[in-house]
C-alpha atoms as a PDB file:
ATOM      1  CA  UNK A   1      89.759 166.682  14.125  1.00  0.00           C
ATOM      2  CA  UNK A   2      92.876 166.940  11.975  1.00  0.00           C
ATOM      3  CA  UNK A   3      95.266 163.994  11.429  1.00  0.00           C
ATOM      4  CA  UNK A   4      98.449 163.796   9.368  1.00  0.00           C
ATOM      5  CA  UNK A   5     100.599 160.983   7.983  1.00  0.00           C
ATOM      6  CA  UNK A   6     104.141 162.258   7.469  1.00  0.00           C
ATOM      7  CA  UNK A   7     107.234 160.375   6.305  1.00  0.00           C
ATOM      8  CA  UNK A   8     109.931 162.858   7.356  1.00  0.00           C
ATOM      9  CA  UNK A   9     112.817 160.922   5.701  1.00  0.00           C
ATOM     10  CA  UNK A  10     115.772 160.103   7.890  1.00  0.00           C
ATOM     11  CA  UNK A  11     118.772 162.437   7.892  1.00  0.00           C
ATOM     12  CA  UNK A  12     120.944 161.558   4.876  1.00  0.00           C
ATOM     13  CA  UNK A  13     124.025 163.715   4.215  1.00  0.00           C
ATOM     14  CA  UNK A  14     123.846 162.923   0.490  1.00  0.00           C
ATOM     15  CA  UNK A  15     120.524 164.803   0.343  1.00  0.00           C
ATOM     16  CA  UNK A  16     122.499 168.040   0.704  1.00  0.00           C
ATOM     17  CA  UNK A  17     120.155 170.951   1.188  1.00  0.00           C
ATOM     18  CA  UNK A  18     117.237 168.543   1.494  1.00  0.00           C
ATOM     19  CA  UNK A  19     118.648 166.556   4.421  1.00  0.00           C
ATOM     20  CA  UNK A  20     116.573 166.492   7.597  1.00  0.00           C
ATOM     21  CA  UNK A  21     118.907 168.888   9.414  1.00  0.00           C
ATOM     22  CA  UNK A  22     118.141 171.483   6.735  1.00  0.00           C
ATOM     23  CA  UNK A  23     114.382 170.799   6.659  1.00  0.00           C
ATOM     24  CA  UNK A  24     113.549 170.386  10.314  1.00  0.00           C
ATOM     25  CA  UNK A  25     112.809 174.062  11.025  1.00  0.00           C
ATOM     26  CA  UNK A  26     110.343 174.159   8.130  1.00  0.00           C
ATOM     27  CA  UNK A  27     108.717 170.960   9.379  1.00  0.00           C
ATOM     28  CA  UNK A  28     108.112 172.414  12.834  1.00  0.00           C
ATOM     29  CA  UNK A  29     106.903 175.713  11.390  1.00  0.00           C
ATOM     30  CA  UNK A  30     104.392 173.859   9.194  1.00  0.00           C
ATOM     31  CA  UNK A  31     103.119 171.844  12.145  1.00  0.00           C
ATOM     32  CA  UNK A  32     102.736 174.984  14.241  1.00  0.00           C
ATOM     33  CA  UNK A  33     100.809 176.679  11.416  1.00  0.00           C
ATOM     34  CA  UNK A  34      98.448 173.758  10.971  1.00  0.00           C
ATOM     35  CA  UNK A  35      98.361 172.415  14.541  1.00  0.00           C
ATOM     36  CA  UNK A  36      97.066 168.945  13.635  1.00  0.00           C
ATOM     37  CA  UNK A  37      95.604 166.932  16.465  1.00  0.00           C
ATOM     38  CA  UNK A  38      97.415 163.674  15.678  1.00  0.00           C
ATOM     39  CA  UNK A  39     100.516 162.985  13.553  1.00  0.00           C
ATOM     40  CA  UNK A  40     101.820 159.618  12.402  1.00  0.00           C
ATOM     41  CA  UNK A  41     105.507 160.053  11.596  1.00  0.00           C
ATOM     42  CA  UNK A  42     107.611 157.558   9.620  1.00  0.00           C
ATOM     43  CA  UNK A  43     111.399 157.195   9.232  1.00  0.00           C
ATOM     44  CA  UNK A  44     112.108 158.856  12.569  1.00  0.00           C
ATOM     45  CA  UNK A  45     115.582 158.183  13.947  1.00  0.00           C
ATOM     46  CA  UNK A  46     116.414 158.885  17.600  1.00  0.00           C
ATOM     47  CA  UNK A  47     118.141 162.288  17.095  1.00  0.00           C
ATOM     48  CA  UNK A  48     115.277 163.499  14.914  1.00  0.00           C
ATOM     49  CA  UNK A  49     112.663 162.331  17.413  1.00  0.00           C
ATOM     50  CA  UNK A  50     114.461 164.057  20.266  1.00  0.00           C
ATOM     51  CA  UNK A  51     114.641 167.287  18.278  1.00  0.00           C
ATOM     52  CA  UNK A  52     110.971 167.105  17.326  1.00  0.00           C
ATOM     53  CA  UNK A  53     109.975 166.477  20.944  1.00  0.00           C
ATOM     54  CA  UNK A  54     111.960 169.505  22.096  1.00  0.00           C
ATOM     55  CA  UNK A  55     110.454 171.782  19.457  1.00  0.00           C
ATOM     56  CA  UNK A  56     106.906 170.431  19.610  1.00  0.00           C
ATOM     57  CA  UNK A  57     106.216 170.496  23.353  1.00  0.00           C
ATOM     58  CA  UNK A  58     102.471 170.634  22.668  1.00  0.00           C
ATOM     59  CA  UNK A  59     102.639 167.008  21.547  1.00  0.00           C
ATOM     60  CA  UNK A  60     103.107 163.713  23.357  1.00  0.00           C
ATOM     61  CA  UNK A  61     105.127 161.147  21.373  1.00  0.00           C
ATOM     62  CA  UNK A  62     104.452 157.396  21.656  1.00  0.00           C
ATOM     63  CA  UNK A  63     106.506 154.617  20.077  1.00  0.00           C
ATOM     64  CA  UNK A  64     109.933 153.003  19.864  1.00  0.00           C
ATOM     65  CA  UNK A  65     112.414 151.716  17.281  1.00  0.00           C
ATOM     66  CA  UNK A  66     111.873 148.707  15.060  1.00  0.00           C
ATOM     67  CA  UNK A  67     115.030 146.750  15.867  1.00  0.00           C
ATOM     68  CA  UNK A  68     115.186 143.866  18.342  1.00  0.00           C
ATOM     69  CA  UNK A  69     116.683 146.204  20.978  1.00  0.00           C
ATOM     70  CA  UNK A  70     113.966 148.823  20.238  1.00  0.00           C
ATOM     71  CA  UNK A  71     116.436 151.177  18.515  1.00  0.00           C
ATOM     72  CA  UNK A  72     116.648 152.216  14.843  1.00  0.00           C
ATOM     73  CA  UNK A  73     113.846 154.004  12.999  1.00  0.00           C
ATOM     74  CA  UNK A  74     110.509 154.481  14.749  1.00  0.00           C
ATOM     75  CA  UNK A  75     106.981 155.215  13.548  1.00  0.00           C
ATOM     76  CA  UNK A  76     105.801 157.329  16.494  1.00  0.00           C
ATOM     77  CA  UNK A  77     102.334 158.724  16.973  1.00  0.00           C
ATOM     78  CA  UNK A  78     102.251 162.289  18.297  1.00  0.00           C
ATOM     79  CA  UNK A  79      99.083 163.806  19.752  1.00  0.00           C
ATOM     80  CA  UNK A  80      98.145 167.129  21.313  1.00  0.00           C
ATOM     81  CA  UNK A  81      98.466 166.960  25.078  1.00  0.00           C
ATOM     82  CA  UNK A  82      95.711 169.461  25.800  1.00  0.00           C
ATOM     83  CA  UNK A  83      93.071 167.603  23.806  1.00  0.00           C
ATOM     84  CA  UNK A  84      93.759 163.894  24.279  1.00  0.00           C
ATOM     85  CA  UNK A  85      94.424 161.396  27.044  1.00  0.00           C
ATOM     86  CA  UNK A  86      96.303 158.191  26.312  1.00  0.00           C
ATOM     87  CA  UNK A  87      94.126 155.206  27.217  1.00  0.00           C
ATOM     88  CA  UNK A  88      96.432 152.517  25.869  1.00  0.00           C
ATOM     89  CA  UNK A  89      99.263 151.763  23.479  1.00  0.00           C
ATOM     90  CA  UNK A  90     100.707 148.818  21.597  1.00  0.00           C
ATOM     91  CA  UNK A  91     103.786 148.427  19.432  1.00  0.00           C
ATOM     92  CA  UNK A  92     104.059 145.184  17.491  1.00  0.00           C
ATOM     93  CA  UNK A  93     106.106 143.756  14.648  1.00  0.00           C
ATOM     94  CA  UNK A  94     104.639 143.022  11.244  1.00  0.00           C
ATOM     95  CA  UNK A  95     105.567 139.360  11.220  1.00  0.00           C
ATOM     96  CA  UNK A  96     104.165 135.914  12.053  1.00  0.00           C
ATOM     97  CA  UNK A  97     105.351 136.562  15.648  1.00  0.00           C
ATOM     98  CA  UNK A  98     104.310 140.176  16.321  1.00  0.00           C
ATOM     99  CA  UNK A  99     105.331 140.119  19.980  1.00  0.00           C
ATOM    100  CA  UNK A 100     108.914 139.056  19.176  1.00  0.00           C
ATOM    101  CA  UNK A 101     111.121 142.153  18.846  1.00  0.00           C
ATOM    102  CA  UNK A 102     112.878 142.392  15.514  1.00  0.00           C
ATOM    103  CA  UNK A 103     110.840 139.603  13.892  1.00  0.00           C
ATOM    104  CA  UNK A 104     109.939 139.670  10.202  1.00  0.00           C
ATOM    105  CA  UNK A 105     108.298 137.762   7.376  1.00  0.00           C
ATOM    106  CA  UNK A 106     110.306 135.451   5.145  1.00  0.00           C
ATOM    107  CA  UNK A 107     111.518 137.368   2.101  1.00  0.00           C
ATOM    108  CA  UNK A 108     111.372 140.717   3.855  1.00  0.00           C
ATOM    109  CA  UNK A 109     114.018 143.400   3.376  1.00  0.00           C
ATOM    110  CA  UNK A 110     116.804 143.964   5.870  1.00  0.00           C
ATOM    111  CA  UNK A 111     114.652 146.131   8.151  1.00  0.00           C
ATOM    112  CA  UNK A 112     112.084 144.865  10.621  1.00  0.00           C
ATOM    113  CA  UNK A 113     108.752 146.667  10.379  1.00  0.00           C
ATOM    114  CA  UNK A 114     106.476 147.731  13.217  1.00  0.00           C
ATOM    115  CA  UNK A 115     103.078 149.218  13.916  1.00  0.00           C
ATOM    116  CA  UNK A 116     102.583 151.812  16.648  1.00  0.00           C
ATOM    117  CA  UNK A 117      99.009 151.802  17.950  1.00  0.00           C
ATOM    118  CA  UNK A 118      97.436 154.157  20.483  1.00  0.00           C
ATOM    119  CA  UNK A 119      93.989 154.457  22.004  1.00  0.00           C
ATOM    120  CA  UNK A 120      93.123 158.083  22.703  1.00  0.00           C
ATOM    121  CA  UNK A 121      90.297 159.789  24.581  1.00  0.00           C
ATOM    122  CA  UNK A 122      89.179 163.116  23.138  1.00  0.00           C
ATOM    123  CA  UNK A 123      88.311 165.415  26.031  1.00  0.00           C
ATOM    124  CA  UNK A 124      86.364 167.746  23.682  1.00  0.00           C
ATOM    125  CA  UNK A 125      83.977 165.143  22.303  1.00  0.00           C
ATOM    126  CA  UNK A 126      84.176 162.333  24.854  1.00  0.00           C
ATOM    127  CA  UNK A 127      85.067 159.918  22.023  1.00  0.00           C
ATOM    128  CA  UNK A 128      87.675 157.194  22.367  1.00  0.00           C
ATOM    129  CA  UNK A 129      89.398 156.010  19.193  1.00  0.00           C
ATOM    130  CA  UNK A 130      92.491 154.198  17.927  1.00  0.00           C
ATOM    131  CA  UNK A 131      95.290 155.441  15.681  1.00  0.00           C
ATOM    132  CA  UNK A 132      97.691 153.004  14.019  1.00  0.00           C
ATOM    133  CA  UNK A 133     100.872 154.112  12.254  1.00  0.00           C
ATOM    134  CA  UNK A 134     102.920 151.914   9.896  1.00  0.00           C
ATOM    135  CA  UNK A 135     105.729 151.884   7.324  1.00  0.00           C
ATOM    136  CA  UNK A 136     105.597 148.694   5.274  1.00  0.00           C
ATOM    137  CA  UNK A 137     108.447 146.735   3.685  1.00  0.00           C
ATOM    138  CA  UNK A 138     110.053 148.361   0.646  1.00  0.00           C
ATOM    139  CA  UNK A 139     111.347 145.140  -0.976  1.00  0.00           C
ATOM    140  CA  UNK A 140     108.671 142.445  -1.215  1.00  0.00           C
ATOM    141  CA  UNK A 141     105.089 142.831  -2.394  1.00  0.00           C
ATOM    142  CA  UNK A 142     104.296 139.397  -0.927  1.00  0.00           C
ATOM    143  CA  UNK A 143     105.453 140.654   2.482  1.00  0.00           C
ATOM    144  CA  UNK A 144     103.348 143.796   2.112  1.00  0.00           C
ATOM    145  CA  UNK A 145     100.353 141.586   1.362  1.00  0.00           C
ATOM    146  CA  UNK A 146     100.935 139.567   4.536  1.00  0.00           C
ATOM    147  CA  UNK A 147     101.308 142.795   6.490  1.00  0.00           C
ATOM    148  CA  UNK A 148      98.012 144.039   5.021  1.00  0.00           C
ATOM    149  CA  UNK A 149      96.233 140.880   6.210  1.00  0.00           C
ATOM    150  CA  UNK A 150      97.789 141.202   9.658  1.00  0.00           C
ATOM    151  CA  UNK A 151      96.746 144.845   9.949  1.00  0.00           C
ATOM    152  CA  UNK A 152      93.196 144.146   8.763  1.00  0.00           C
ATOM    153  CA  UNK A 153      92.812 141.427  11.399  1.00  0.00           C
ATOM    154  CA  UNK A 154      94.302 143.647  14.106  1.00  0.00           C
ATOM    155  CA  UNK A 155      91.880 146.446  13.210  1.00  0.00           C
ATOM    156  CA  UNK A 156      88.920 144.067  13.209  1.00  0.00           C
ATOM    157  CA  UNK A 157      89.788 142.617  16.613  1.00  0.00           C
ATOM    158  CA  UNK A 158      90.523 146.054  18.074  1.00  0.00           C
ATOM    159  CA  UNK A 159      87.163 147.488  17.049  1.00  0.00           C
ATOM    160  CA  UNK A 160      85.276 144.433  18.253  1.00  0.00           C
ATOM    161  CA  UNK A 161      87.042 144.483  21.613  1.00  0.00           C
ATOM    162  CA  UNK A 162      86.797 148.214  22.355  1.00  0.00           C
ATOM    163  CA  UNK A 163      83.844 149.354  20.198  1.00  0.00           C
ATOM    164  CA  UNK A 164      85.958 152.380  19.253  1.00  0.00           C
ATOM    165  CA  UNK A 165      86.751 153.524  15.687  1.00  0.00           C
ATOM    166  CA  UNK A 166      90.178 153.006  14.128  1.00  0.00           C
ATOM    167  CA  UNK A 167      92.240 155.264  11.868  1.00  0.00           C
ATOM    168  CA  UNK A 168      95.293 153.764  10.145  1.00  0.00           C
ATOM    169  CA  UNK A 169      98.060 156.081   8.917  1.00  0.00           C
ATOM    170  CA  UNK A 170     101.228 155.311   7.046  1.00  0.00           C
ATOM    171  CA  UNK A 171     103.604 154.694   4.184  1.00  0.00           C
ATOM    172  CA  UNK A 172     102.613 151.431   2.480  1.00  0.00           C
ATOM    173  CA  UNK A 173     105.242 151.400  -0.286  1.00  0.00           C
ATOM    174  CA  UNK A 174     102.384 150.272  -2.558  1.00  0.00           C
ATOM    175  CA  UNK A 175     100.322 151.985  -5.235  1.00  0.00           C
ATOM    176  CA  UNK A 176      96.513 152.238  -4.954  1.00  0.00           C
ATOM    177  CA  UNK A 177      95.858 149.521  -7.551  1.00  0.00           C
ATOM    178  CA  UNK A 178      98.255 146.992  -6.007  1.00  0.00           C
ATOM    179  CA  UNK A 179      97.376 143.920  -3.966  1.00  0.00           C
ATOM    180  CA  UNK A 180      98.335 145.129  -0.446  1.00  0.00           C
ATOM    181  CA  UNK A 181      95.845 147.999  -0.697  1.00  0.00           C
ATOM    182  CA  UNK A 182      93.101 145.820  -2.174  1.00  0.00           C
ATOM    183  CA  UNK A 183      93.621 143.113   0.448  1.00  0.00           C
ATOM    184  CA  UNK A 184      93.509 145.519   3.368  1.00  0.00           C
ATOM    185  CA  UNK A 185      90.384 147.312   2.200  1.00  0.00           C
ATOM    186  CA  UNK A 186      88.594 144.097   1.276  1.00  0.00           C
ATOM    187  CA  UNK A 187      89.349 142.400   4.591  1.00  0.00           C
ATOM    188  CA  UNK A 188      88.861 145.454   6.827  1.00  0.00           C
ATOM    189  CA  UNK A 189      85.999 147.209   5.033  1.00  0.00           C
ATOM    190  CA  UNK A 190      87.820 150.499   5.585  1.00  0.00           C
ATOM    191  CA  UNK A 191      87.722 153.512   3.290  1.00  0.00           C
ATOM    192  CA  UNK A 192      90.787 155.227   1.794  1.00  0.00           C
ATOM    193  CA  UNK A 193      90.448 158.832   2.917  1.00  0.00           C
ATOM    194  CA  UNK A 194      93.290 159.804   0.566  1.00  0.00           C
ATOM    195  CA  UNK A 195      91.682 158.466  -2.607  1.00  0.00           C
ATOM    196  CA  UNK A 196      91.541 161.949  -4.181  1.00  0.00           C
ATOM    197  CA  UNK A 197      95.258 162.549  -3.565  1.00  0.00           C
ATOM    198  CA  UNK A 198      97.202 161.612  -6.721  1.00  0.00           C
ATOM    199  CA  UNK A 199     100.742 161.924  -5.331  1.00  0.00           C
ATOM    200  CA  UNK A 200     102.471 161.477  -1.996  1.00  0.00           C
ATOM    201  CA  UNK A 201     106.067 160.394  -2.708  1.00  0.00           C
ATOM    202  CA  UNK A 202     107.951 162.815  -4.969  1.00  0.00           C
ATOM    203  CA  UNK A 203     111.604 162.062  -4.195  1.00  0.00           C
ATOM    204  CA  UNK A 204     112.432 165.765  -3.824  1.00  0.00           C
ATOM    205  CA  UNK A 205     110.900 166.457  -7.207  1.00  0.00           C
ATOM    206  CA  UNK A 206     112.300 163.437  -9.079  1.00  0.00           C
ATOM    207  CA  UNK A 207     109.180 161.245  -9.288  1.00  0.00           C
ATOM    208  CA  UNK A 208     105.443 161.133  -8.607  1.00  0.00           C
ATOM    209  CA  UNK A 209     103.884 158.171  -6.790  1.00  0.00           C
ATOM    210  CA  UNK A 210     101.008 157.531  -4.399  1.00  0.00           C
ATOM    211  CA  UNK A 211     102.199 155.269  -1.563  1.00  0.00           C
ATOM    212  CA  UNK A 212     100.964 157.033   1.612  1.00  0.00           C
ATOM    213  CA  UNK A 213      97.451 156.497   2.976  1.00  0.00           C
ATOM    214  CA  UNK A 214      94.929 157.177   5.696  1.00  0.00           C
ATOM    215  CA  UNK A 215      92.344 154.414   6.099  1.00  0.00           C
ATOM    216  CA  UNK A 216      89.276 154.930   8.257  1.00  0.00           C
ATOM    217  CA  UNK A 217      86.536 152.774   9.723  1.00  0.00           C
ATOM    218  CA  UNK A 218      82.866 153.437   9.216  1.00  0.00           C
ATOM    219  CA  UNK A 219      82.371 155.723  12.195  1.00  0.00           C
ATOM    220  CA  UNK A 220      84.773 158.313  10.769  1.00  0.00           C
ATOM    221  CA  UNK A 221      83.296 160.934   8.452  1.00  0.00           C
ATOM    222  CA  UNK A 222      86.005 162.446   6.231  1.00  0.00           C
ATOM    223  CA  UNK A 223      85.434 166.107   5.415  1.00  0.00           C
ATOM    224  CA  UNK A 224      88.637 167.148   3.661  1.00  0.00           C
ATOM    225  CA  UNK A 225      91.957 165.591   2.638  1.00  0.00           C
ATOM    226  CA  UNK A 226      94.915 167.557   1.282  1.00  0.00           C
ATOM    227  CA  UNK A 227      98.687 167.589   1.047  1.00  0.00           C
ATOM    228  CA  UNK A 228     100.972 170.021   2.810  1.00  0.00           C
ATOM    229  CA  UNK A 229     103.478 172.026   0.782  1.00  0.00           C
ATOM    230  CA  UNK A 230     106.045 174.490   2.066  1.00  0.00           C
ATOM    231  CA  UNK A 231     106.677 177.808   0.345  1.00  0.00           C
ATOM    232  CA  UNK A 232     110.359 177.673   1.276  1.00  0.00           C
ATOM    233  CA  UNK A 233     111.349 174.223  -0.013  1.00  0.00           C
ATOM    234  CA  UNK A 234     110.585 170.558   0.482  1.00  0.00           C
ATOM    235  CA  UNK A 235     109.250 169.379   3.834  1.00  0.00           C
ATOM    236  CA  UNK A 236     110.379 165.842   2.941  1.00  0.00           C
ATOM    237  CA  UNK A 237     110.622 163.485  -0.028  1.00  0.00           C
ATOM    238  CA  UNK A 238     106.980 162.652   0.772  1.00  0.00           C
ATOM    239  CA  UNK A 239     104.115 165.112   0.935  1.00  0.00           C
ATOM    240  CA  UNK A 240     102.483 165.026   4.365  1.00  0.00           C
ATOM    241  CA  UNK A 241      98.799 164.162   3.917  1.00  0.00           C
ATOM    242  CA  UNK A 242      96.308 165.888   6.204  1.00  0.00           C
ATOM    243  CA  UNK A 243      92.805 164.563   6.905  1.00  0.00           C
ATOM    244  CA  UNK A 244      90.065 166.623   8.527  1.00  0.00           C
ATOM    245  CA  UNK A 245      87.285 164.447   9.869  1.00  0.00           C
ATOM    246  CA  UNK A 246      84.560 164.104  12.465  1.00  0.00           C
ATOM    247  CA  UNK A 247      82.810 161.237  14.199  1.00  0.00           C
ATOM    248  CA  UNK A 248      79.728 159.732  12.626  1.00  0.00           C
ATOM    249  CA  UNK A 249      78.156 157.611  15.386  1.00  0.00           C
ATOM    250  CA  UNK A 250      75.246 156.551  13.171  1.00  0.00           C
ATOM    251  CA  UNK A 251      77.541 154.606  10.811  1.00  0.00           C
ATOM    252  CA  UNK A 252      78.673 151.057  11.466  1.00  0.00           C
ATOM    253  CA  UNK A 253      82.130 149.630  10.946  1.00  0.00           C
ATOM    254  CA  UNK A 254      81.485 148.279   7.476  1.00  0.00           C
ATOM    255  CA  UNK A 255      79.791 151.339   5.996  1.00  0.00           C
ATOM    256  CA  UNK A 256      82.472 154.026   5.663  1.00  0.00           C
ATOM    257  CA  UNK A 257      81.414 157.622   5.209  1.00  0.00           C
ATOM    258  CA  UNK A 258      84.217 159.368   3.364  1.00  0.00           C
ATOM    259  CA  UNK A 259      83.455 162.299   1.089  1.00  0.00           C
ATOM    260  CA  UNK A 260      86.878 163.936   0.816  1.00  0.00           C
ATOM    261  CA  UNK A 261      87.193 166.857  -1.552  1.00  0.00           C
ATOM    262  CA  UNK A 262      90.768 166.352  -2.698  1.00  0.00           C
ATOM    263  CA  UNK A 263      94.028 168.172  -2.385  1.00  0.00           C
ATOM    264  CA  UNK A 264      92.757 171.776  -2.586  1.00  0.00           C
ATOM    265  CA  UNK A 265      89.955 171.628  -0.040  1.00  0.00           C
END
């Protein structure tokens, strides 16, 4: 199975030739070349989501905007229609009141933050599993830490309730050595499938930072993790990260099996 976390960057006119309207054809071409099974998109505004839906008819999109009226940027999960059946979905706010639309932590930036969660059934393998997709606050590390604790608890409760593995995708706005990442891994017991990837955010060539991740529970065996690059220009200001994995039913939740080979596998 192939999963991707992909911050597409919203359409910004000041980006010039790198704005979404100029990149979107390359994005769809890359997806059609790779045909991942599941994609967690971040920074998806309504016009971009509509365009992606129209040009990726093989995929079902799940999710809504982060604002109180369910508009604004979304973090949708897209999955291949022919392979998966949707068994359930949840969309909650990263806040002390996750069921209150538009809610946030004290000290958070201007934007509310959400998690889109789906439970999928794989018709090829008969395996049910969960995919969570997030984009954490860009202002406050303390808020990112609280979000990490909330996500770890949600993952724990979800696995206990359904006995199905969880994969968490997203842009954490945090470096690997920082507290939000440590807190989530310590409290969840999950493995970072992207640990061999040194860079994800590049700012259209202006910087080099690792802030995008794929975390997996113990029943996910990671075979290969790599970044996508286009030969015709930037796909986004973030590299999409692609994980190839399989199910490892002999492992338990707290014993991750993740032997990724890095960016060139």
